[in-house]
C-alpha atoms as a PDB file:
ATOM      1  CA  MET A   1     111.622 102.873  70.412  1.00  0.00           C
ATOM      2  CA  ASP A   2     108.173 101.280  70.273  1.00  0.00           C
ATOM      3  CA  ALA A   3     106.133 100.205  73.293  1.00  0.00           C
ATOM      4  CA  ARG A   4     107.220  96.556  73.179  1.00  0.00           C
ATOM      5  CA  HIS A   5     110.898  97.449  73.328  1.00  0.00           C
ATOM      6  CA  ILE A   6     110.347 100.078  76.039  1.00  0.00           C
ATOM      7  CA  ILE A   7     108.756  97.384  78.206  1.00  0.00           C
ATOM      8  CA  ALA A   8     111.395  94.760  77.415  1.00  0.00           C
ATOM      9  CA  ARG A   9     114.253  97.128  78.165  1.00  0.00           C
ATOM     10  CA  ARG A  10     112.705  98.150  81.490  1.00  0.00           C
ATOM     11  CA  CYS A  11     112.071  94.499  82.431  1.00  0.00           C
ATOM     12  CA  ALA A  12     115.744  93.731  81.885  1.00  0.00           C
ATOM     13  CA  LEU A  13     116.596  96.289  84.588  1.00  0.00           C
ATOM     14  CA  GLU A  14     114.475  94.336  87.084  1.00  0.00           C
ATOM     15  CA  LEU A  15     116.713  91.276  86.810  1.00  0.00           C
ATOM     16  CA  ARG A  16     119.251  90.574  89.553  1.00  0.00           C
ATOM     17  CA  ASP A  17     122.782  89.303  89.268  1.00  0.00           C
ATOM     18  CA  GLY A  18     123.039  85.527  89.637  1.00  0.00           C
ATOM     19  CA  GLU A  19     119.368  84.783  88.983  1.00  0.00           C
ATOM     20  CA  VAL A  20     117.932  82.033  86.825  1.00  0.00           C
ATOM     21  CA  VAL A  21     115.379  83.904  84.701  1.00  0.00           C
ATOM     22  CA  ASN A  22     112.602  82.582  82.494  1.00  0.00           C
ATOM     23  CA  LEU A  23     111.548  84.821  79.611  1.00  0.00           C
ATOM     24  CA  GLY A  24     108.030  84.072  78.372  1.00  0.00           C
ATOM     25  CA  ILE A  25     106.453  84.373  74.943  1.00  0.00           C
ATOM     26  CA  GLY A  26     106.145  87.786  73.303  1.00  0.00           C
ATOM     27  CA  ILE A  27     107.524  90.975  74.848  1.00  0.00           C
ATOM     28  CA  PRO A  28     109.522  89.118  77.563  1.00  0.00           C
ATOM     29  CA  THR A  29     111.753  87.354  75.025  1.00  0.00           C
ATOM     30  CA  LEU A  30     112.963  90.766  73.848  1.00  0.00           C
ATOM     31  CA  ALA A  31     114.357  91.501  77.325  1.00  0.00           C
ATOM     32  CA  GLY A  32     117.247  89.116  76.650  1.00  0.00           C
ATOM     33  CA  ASN A  33     118.606  91.640  74.155  1.00  0.00           C
ATOM     34  CA  TYR A  34     118.692  94.446  76.751  1.00  0.00           C
ATOM     35  CA  LEU A  35     120.595  92.916  79.672  1.00  0.00           C
ATOM     36  CA  PRO A  36     122.694  95.602  81.415  1.00  0.00           C
ATOM     37  CA  PRO A  37     126.465  95.289  80.940  1.00  0.00           C
ATOM     38  CA  GLY A  38     128.032  93.176  83.676  1.00  0.00           C
ATOM     39  CA  LEU A  39     124.758  91.515  84.710  1.00  0.00           C
ATOM     40  CA  SER A  40     125.169  87.750  84.974  1.00  0.00           C
ATOM     41  CA  VAL A  41     121.939  85.748  84.715  1.00  0.00           C
ATOM     42  CA  ILE A  42     121.036  82.288  83.407  1.00  0.00           C
ATOM     43  CA  LEU A  43     118.222  82.640  80.902  1.00  0.00           C
ATOM     44  CA  HIS A  44     115.616  79.882  80.615  1.00  0.00           C
ATOM     45  CA  THR A  45     113.084  79.284  77.866  1.00  0.00           C
ATOM     46  CA  GLU A  46     110.203  76.933  78.558  1.00  0.00           C
ATOM     47  CA  ASN A  47     110.594  75.023  75.290  1.00  0.00           C
ATOM     48  CA  GLY A  48     113.824  73.581  76.649  1.00  0.00           C
ATOM     49  CA  ALA A  49     117.021  75.582  77.191  1.00  0.00           C
ATOM     50  CA  PHE A  50     119.031  77.034  80.069  1.00  0.00           C
ATOM     51  CA  GLY A  51     121.835  79.552  79.695  1.00  0.00           C
ATOM     52  CA  TYR A  52     120.971  80.784  76.214  1.00  0.00           C
ATOM     53  CA  GLY A  53     122.198  84.089  74.851  1.00  0.00           C
ATOM     54  CA  PRO A  54     120.778  87.012  72.848  1.00  0.00           C
ATOM     55  CA  LYS A  55     119.370  86.907  69.349  1.00  0.00           C
ATOM     56  CA  PRO A  56     122.046  86.181  66.715  1.00  0.00           C
ATOM     57  CA  SER A  57     122.536  87.877  63.370  1.00  0.00           C
ATOM     58  CA  THR A  58     120.449  86.579  60.491  1.00  0.00           C
ATOM     59  CA  LEU A  59     123.410  84.665  59.085  1.00  0.00           C
ATOM     60  CA  GLY A  60     124.253  83.283  62.529  1.00  0.00           C
ATOM     61  CA  ALA A  61     120.771  81.891  63.225  1.00  0.00           C
ATOM     62  CA  ASP A  62     120.209  78.148  63.638  1.00  0.00           C
ATOM     63  CA  SER A  63     116.634  76.951  63.061  1.00  0.00           C
ATOM     64  CA  ASP A  64     117.104  74.224  65.710  1.00  0.00           C
ATOM     65  CA  MET A  65     117.709  76.792  68.450  1.00  0.00           C
ATOM     66  CA  SER A  66     114.845  79.116  69.411  1.00  0.00           C
ATOM     67  CA  ASN A  67     113.172  80.735  72.395  1.00  0.00           C
ATOM     68  CA  ALA A  68     109.535  80.419  73.503  1.00  0.00           C
ATOM     69  CA  SER A  69     108.468  82.852  70.775  1.00  0.00           C
ATOM     70  CA  GLY A  70     110.165  80.785  68.075  1.00  0.00           C
ATOM     71  CA  GLU A  71     112.890  83.423  67.617  1.00  0.00           C
ATOM     72  CA  PRO A  72     116.519  82.365  67.078  1.00  0.00           C
ATOM     73  CA  ILE A  73     118.849  82.343  70.077  1.00  0.00           C
ATOM     74  CA  THR A  74     122.537  81.791  70.694  1.00  0.00           C
ATOM     75  CA  MET A  75     123.914  78.964  72.840  1.00  0.00           C
ATOM     76  CA  PRO A  76     127.158  80.086  74.528  1.00  0.00           C
ATOM     77  CA  PRO A  77     129.488  77.626  76.299  1.00  0.00           C
ATOM     78  CA  GLY A  78     127.716  76.077  79.295  1.00  0.00           C
ATOM     79  CA  ALA A  79     124.206  76.381  77.844  1.00  0.00           C
ATOM     80  CA  ALA A  80     121.995  73.287  77.856  1.00  0.00           C
ATOM     81  CA  ILE A  81     119.111  71.975  75.745  1.00  0.00           C
ATOM     82  CA  MET A  82     116.573  69.535  77.188  1.00  0.00           C
ATOM     83  CA  ASP A  83     113.155  68.017  76.564  1.00  0.00           C
ATOM     84  CA  LEU A  84     109.990  69.938  77.406  1.00  0.00           C
ATOM     85  CA  ALA A  85     109.080  67.758  80.390  1.00  0.00           C
ATOM     86  CA  THR A  86     112.436  68.467  82.063  1.00  0.00           C
ATOM     87  CA  SER A  87     112.162  72.181  81.305  1.00  0.00           C
ATOM     88  CA  LEU A  88     108.655  72.541  82.760  1.00  0.00           C
ATOM     89  CA  GLY A  89     109.642  70.352  85.702  1.00  0.00           C
ATOM     90  CA  ALA A  90     112.326  72.910  86.541  1.00  0.00           C
ATOM     91  CA  ALA A  91     109.687  75.652  86.382  1.00  0.00           C
ATOM     92  CA  ARG A  92     107.412  73.806  88.792  1.00  0.00           C
ATOM     93  CA  ASN A  93     110.067  72.796  91.284  1.00  0.00           C
ATOM     94  CA  GLY A  94     111.822  75.989  92.290  1.00  0.00           C
ATOM     95  CA  TYR A  95     114.849  76.027  89.984  1.00  0.00           C
ATOM     96  CA  ILE A  96     113.926  79.400  88.486  1.00  0.00           C
ATOM     97  CA  SER A  97     114.235  82.659  90.441  1.00  0.00           C
ATOM     98  CA  THR A  98     112.247  85.079  88.291  1.00  0.00           C
ATOM     99  CA  THR A  99     109.938  84.844  85.300  1.00  0.00           C
ATOM    100  CA  VAL A 100     108.914  87.663  82.975  1.00  0.00           C
ATOM    101  CA  LEU A 101     105.502  86.883  81.460  1.00  0.00           C
ATOM    102  CA  GLY A 102     103.419  88.754  78.943  1.00  0.00           C
ATOM    103  CA  GLY A 103      99.856  89.572  79.893  1.00  0.00           C
ATOM    104  CA  LEU A 104      96.442  90.322  78.475  1.00  0.00           C
ATOM    105  CA  GLU A 105      95.363  91.748  81.850  1.00  0.00           C
ATOM    106  CA  VAL A 106      96.756  92.055  85.357  1.00  0.00           C
ATOM    107  CA  ASP A 107      94.946  93.301  88.436  1.00  0.00           C
ATOM    108  CA  GLN A 108      95.726  95.174  91.628  1.00  0.00           C
ATOM    109  CA  GLU A 109      96.032  91.926  93.600  1.00  0.00           C
ATOM    110  CA  GLY A 110      98.658  90.544  91.239  1.00  0.00           C
ATOM    111  CA  THR A 111      96.402  88.130  89.345  1.00  0.00           C
ATOM    112  CA  LEU A 112      97.614  87.579  85.777  1.00  0.00           C
ATOM    113  CA  ALA A 113      95.517  86.630  82.747  1.00  0.00           C
ATOM    114  CA  ASN A 114      97.510  85.716  79.656  1.00  0.00           C
ATOM    115  CA  TRP A 115      96.290  82.432  78.213  1.00  0.00           C
ATOM    116  CA  ALA A 116      92.826  82.966  76.701  1.00  0.00           C
ATOM    117  CA  SER A 117      91.119  85.826  74.913  1.00  0.00           C
ATOM    118  CA  ARG A 118      87.695  86.188  73.337  1.00  0.00           C
ATOM    119  CA  ARG A 119      87.470  87.000  69.638  1.00  0.00           C
ATOM    120  CA  ASN A 120      84.276  87.151  67.600  1.00  0.00           C
ATOM    121  CA  GLY A 121      82.381  85.403  70.384  1.00  0.00           C
ATOM    122  CA  ARG A 122      84.812  82.497  70.687  1.00  0.00           C
ATOM    123  CA  TRP A 123      87.586  81.714  73.167  1.00  0.00           C
ATOM    124  CA  TRP A 124      91.129  81.486  71.783  1.00  0.00           C
ATOM    125  CA  PRO A 125      93.272  79.591  74.300  1.00  0.00           C
ATOM    126  CA  GLY A 126      97.054  79.154  74.362  1.00  0.00           C
ATOM    127  CA  ILE A 127      98.354  78.255  77.792  1.00  0.00           C
ATOM    128  CA  GLY A 128     101.872  76.929  77.197  1.00  0.00           C
ATOM    129  CA  GLY A 129     103.861  76.769  80.431  1.00  0.00           C
ATOM    130  CA  ALA A 130     102.536  79.980  81.995  1.00  0.00           C
ATOM    131  CA  MET A 131     100.544  78.299  84.772  1.00  0.00           C
ATOM    132  CA  ASP A 132     103.571  76.215  85.776  1.00  0.00           C
ATOM    133  CA  LEU A 133     105.669  79.375  85.950  1.00  0.00           C
ATOM    134  CA  CYS A 134     103.081  81.368  87.921  1.00  0.00           C
ATOM    135  CA  TYR A 135     102.958  78.748  90.659  1.00  0.00           C
ATOM    136  CA  GLY A 136     106.522  77.461  90.612  1.00  0.00           C
ATOM    137  CA  VAL A 137     108.533  80.698  90.381  1.00  0.00           C
ATOM    138  CA  PRO A 138     108.685  83.015  93.416  1.00  0.00           C
ATOM    139  CA  ARG A 139     109.018  86.291  91.493  1.00  0.00           C
ATOM    140  CA  VAL A 140     106.701  86.968  88.548  1.00  0.00           C
ATOM    141  CA  ILE A 141     107.102  90.152  86.499  1.00  0.00           C
ATOM    142  CA  ALA A 142     104.126  90.984  84.250  1.00  0.00           C
ATOM    143  CA  ALA A 143     105.098  92.727  81.010  1.00  0.00           C
ATOM    144  CA  LEU A 144     102.260  94.276  79.008  1.00  0.00           C
ATOM    145  CA  GLN A 145     101.122  97.440  77.286  1.00  0.00           C
ATOM    146  CA  HIS A 146      99.206  99.751  79.593  1.00  0.00           C
ATOM    147  CA  ILE A 147      96.077 100.098  77.439  1.00  0.00           C
ATOM    148  CA  ASP A 148      94.515  97.881  74.786  1.00  0.00           C
ATOM    149  CA  LYS A 149      93.670  98.795  71.187  1.00  0.00           C
ATOM    150  CA  HIS A 150      90.294 100.108  72.337  1.00  0.00           C
ATOM    151  CA  GLY A 151      91.868 102.476  74.868  1.00  0.00           C
ATOM    152  CA  HIS A 152      90.914 100.397  77.920  1.00  0.00           C
ATOM    153  CA  SER A 153      93.267  99.876  80.847  1.00  0.00           C
ATOM    154  CA  LYS A 154      94.964  96.466  81.029  1.00  0.00           C
ATOM    155  CA  VAL A 155      95.916  97.160  84.664  1.00  0.00           C
ATOM    156  CA  ARG A 156      92.578  96.440  86.264  1.00  0.00           C
ATOM    157  CA  LYS A 157      90.820  96.287  89.616  1.00  0.00           C
ATOM    158  CA  ARG A 158      89.938  92.644  88.826  1.00  0.00           C
ATOM    159  CA  THR A 159      90.820  90.575  85.793  1.00  0.00           C
ATOM    160  CA  GLU A 160      87.877  89.656  83.584  1.00  0.00           C
ATOM    161  CA  LEU A 161      89.667  87.083  81.429  1.00  0.00           C
ATOM    162  CA  PRO A 162      90.373  83.558  82.747  1.00  0.00           C
ATOM    163  CA  PRO A 163      93.286  83.810  85.210  1.00  0.00           C
ATOM    164  CA  THR A 164      96.634  82.167  84.646  1.00  0.00           C
ATOM    165  CA  GLY A 165      97.781  82.664  88.222  1.00  0.00           C
ATOM    166  CA  ARG A 166      96.107  84.344  91.180  1.00  0.00           C
ATOM    167  CA  ARG A 167      98.057  86.850  93.283  1.00  0.00           C
ATOM    168  CA  CYS A 168     101.379  85.709  91.816  1.00  0.00           C
ATOM    169  CA  VAL A 169     102.689  88.907  90.189  1.00  0.00           C
ATOM    170  CA  LYS A 170     105.243  90.926  92.151  1.00  0.00           C
ATOM    171  CA  VAL A 171     106.072  93.668  89.611  1.00  0.00           C
ATOM    172  CA  ILE A 172     104.094  95.121  86.703  1.00  0.00           C
ATOM    173  CA  VAL A 173     106.006  96.790  83.856  1.00  0.00           C
ATOM    174  CA  THR A 174     104.096  98.610  81.129  1.00  0.00           C
ATOM    175  CA  ASP A 175     105.086 101.163  78.500  1.00  0.00           C
ATOM    176  CA  LYS A 176     103.739 103.877  80.838  1.00  0.00           C
ATOM    177  CA  ALA A 177     104.629 102.805  84.387  1.00  0.00           C
ATOM    178  CA  VAL A 178     106.191 100.373  86.833  1.00  0.00           C
ATOM    179  CA  PHE A 179     104.145  99.110  89.806  1.00  0.00           C
ATOM    180  CA  ASP A 180     105.090  96.967  92.769  1.00  0.00           C
ATOM    181  CA  VAL A 181     102.384  94.562  93.934  1.00  0.00           C
ATOM    182  CA  THR A 182     102.306  94.603  97.731  1.00  0.00           C
ATOM    183  CA  PRO A 183      99.948  93.116 100.369  1.00  0.00           C
ATOM    184  CA  GLY A 184      98.434  96.596 100.640  1.00  0.00           C
ATOM    185  CA  GLY A 185      97.854  96.970  96.888  1.00  0.00           C
ATOM    186  CA  LEU A 186      99.645  98.469  93.907  1.00  0.00           C
ATOM    187  CA  VAL A 187     102.385 101.014  94.474  1.00  0.00           C
ATOM    188  CA  LEU A 188     103.412 103.228  91.555  1.00  0.00           C
ATOM    189  CA  ARG A 189     107.203 103.275  91.468  1.00  0.00           C
ATOM    190  CA  GLU A 190     107.945 104.896  88.086  1.00  0.00           C
ATOM    191  CA  ALA A 191     106.199 106.633  85.207  1.00  0.00           C
ATOM    192  CA  TYR A 192     107.355 107.162  81.649  1.00  0.00           C
ATOM    193  CA  PRO A 193     109.289 110.447  81.403  1.00  0.00           C
ATOM    194  CA  GLY A 194     106.919 113.368  81.003  1.00  0.00           C
ATOM    195  CA  LEU A 195     103.975 111.597  82.646  1.00  0.00           C
ATOM    196  CA  ALA A 196     102.750 112.682  86.071  1.00  0.00           C
ATOM    197  CA  VAL A 197     100.904 110.606  88.651  1.00  0.00           C
ATOM    198  CA  GLU A 198      97.631 112.139  87.467  1.00  0.00           C
ATOM    199  CA  ASP A 199      98.346 110.975  83.917  1.00  0.00           C
ATOM    200  CA  ILE A 200      98.839 107.399  85.126  1.00  0.00           C
ATOM    201  CA  ARG A 201      95.618 107.520  87.162  1.00  0.00           C
ATOM    202  CA  ALA A 202      93.726 108.655  84.054  1.00  0.00           C
ATOM    203  CA  ILE A 203      94.714 105.515  82.097  1.00  0.00           C
ATOM    204  CA  THR A 204      94.677 102.971  84.960  1.00  0.00           C
ATOM    205  CA  GLU A 205      91.542 101.229  86.193  1.00  0.00           C
ATOM    206  CA  ALA A 206      93.305  99.737  89.227  1.00  0.00           C
ATOM    207  CA  ASP A 207      93.705 101.640  92.474  1.00  0.00           C
ATOM    208  CA  PHE A 208      97.252 102.456  93.525  1.00  0.00           C
ATOM    209  CA  THR A 209      99.334 104.494  95.913  1.00  0.00           C
ATOM    210  CA  VAL A 210     102.580 106.274  95.073  1.00  0.00           C
ATOM    211  CA  ALA A 211     106.020 105.241  96.313  1.00  0.00           C
ATOM    212  CA  ASP A 212     108.068 107.688  98.352  1.00  0.00           C
ATOM    213  CA  ASN A 213     110.886 107.309  95.821  1.00  0.00           C
ATOM    214  CA  PHE A 214     108.608 107.707  92.778  1.00  0.00           C
ATOM    215  CA  GLY A 215     110.450 108.901  89.697  1.00  0.00           C
ATOM    216  CA  PRO A 216     110.788 108.603  85.899  1.00  0.00           C
ATOM    217  CA  MET A 217     111.361 105.288  84.161  1.00  0.00           C
ATOM    218  CA  PRO A 218     114.982 104.960  82.991  1.00  0.00           C
ATOM    219  CA  VAL A 219     114.455 104.774  79.249  1.00  0.00           C
END
């Protein structure tokens, strides 16, 4: 299983029964395919659907029904489609319990950067509904790979890219670890099987403490 699917599967385990859950663009949309058996959640996609289901088979796909990443989704009985203004209004006004958002960087205070990157000296923006979700949803889970293609930590002391939301992230899930963001800083809760605390420190710029119940990620 590659890093993206490791993260998505672990994010799915963070979801709670009965929640309304937004899944953002990229890795988060994959989490809808890994919901634990018996877990009942209402999935939301910012482009305008509540209650959608997992990815269909190729033959079962409908080009008019997609998630925030443009991937096909299923619409079980009770699901609803709406315009973008209504969908983002729900995000801003407290109708969503948890959002899982991809990230370019996240820091030890829970600030998320995921809407603009710098390439060849130019900014490449793409905000979507992420700012609405960061400020309108009480529980933000950041889903991102632990290091970038240059080997640098994406879990930082302070974000360097333009922030999407300041101090909004509650949980960070990477392919190497799971952190809780607390008023006292990051707390390492889990590490990928075979990795010790020292291994996580070696690849993490941010400061963190270790939870009393620290253990391996369930992968």
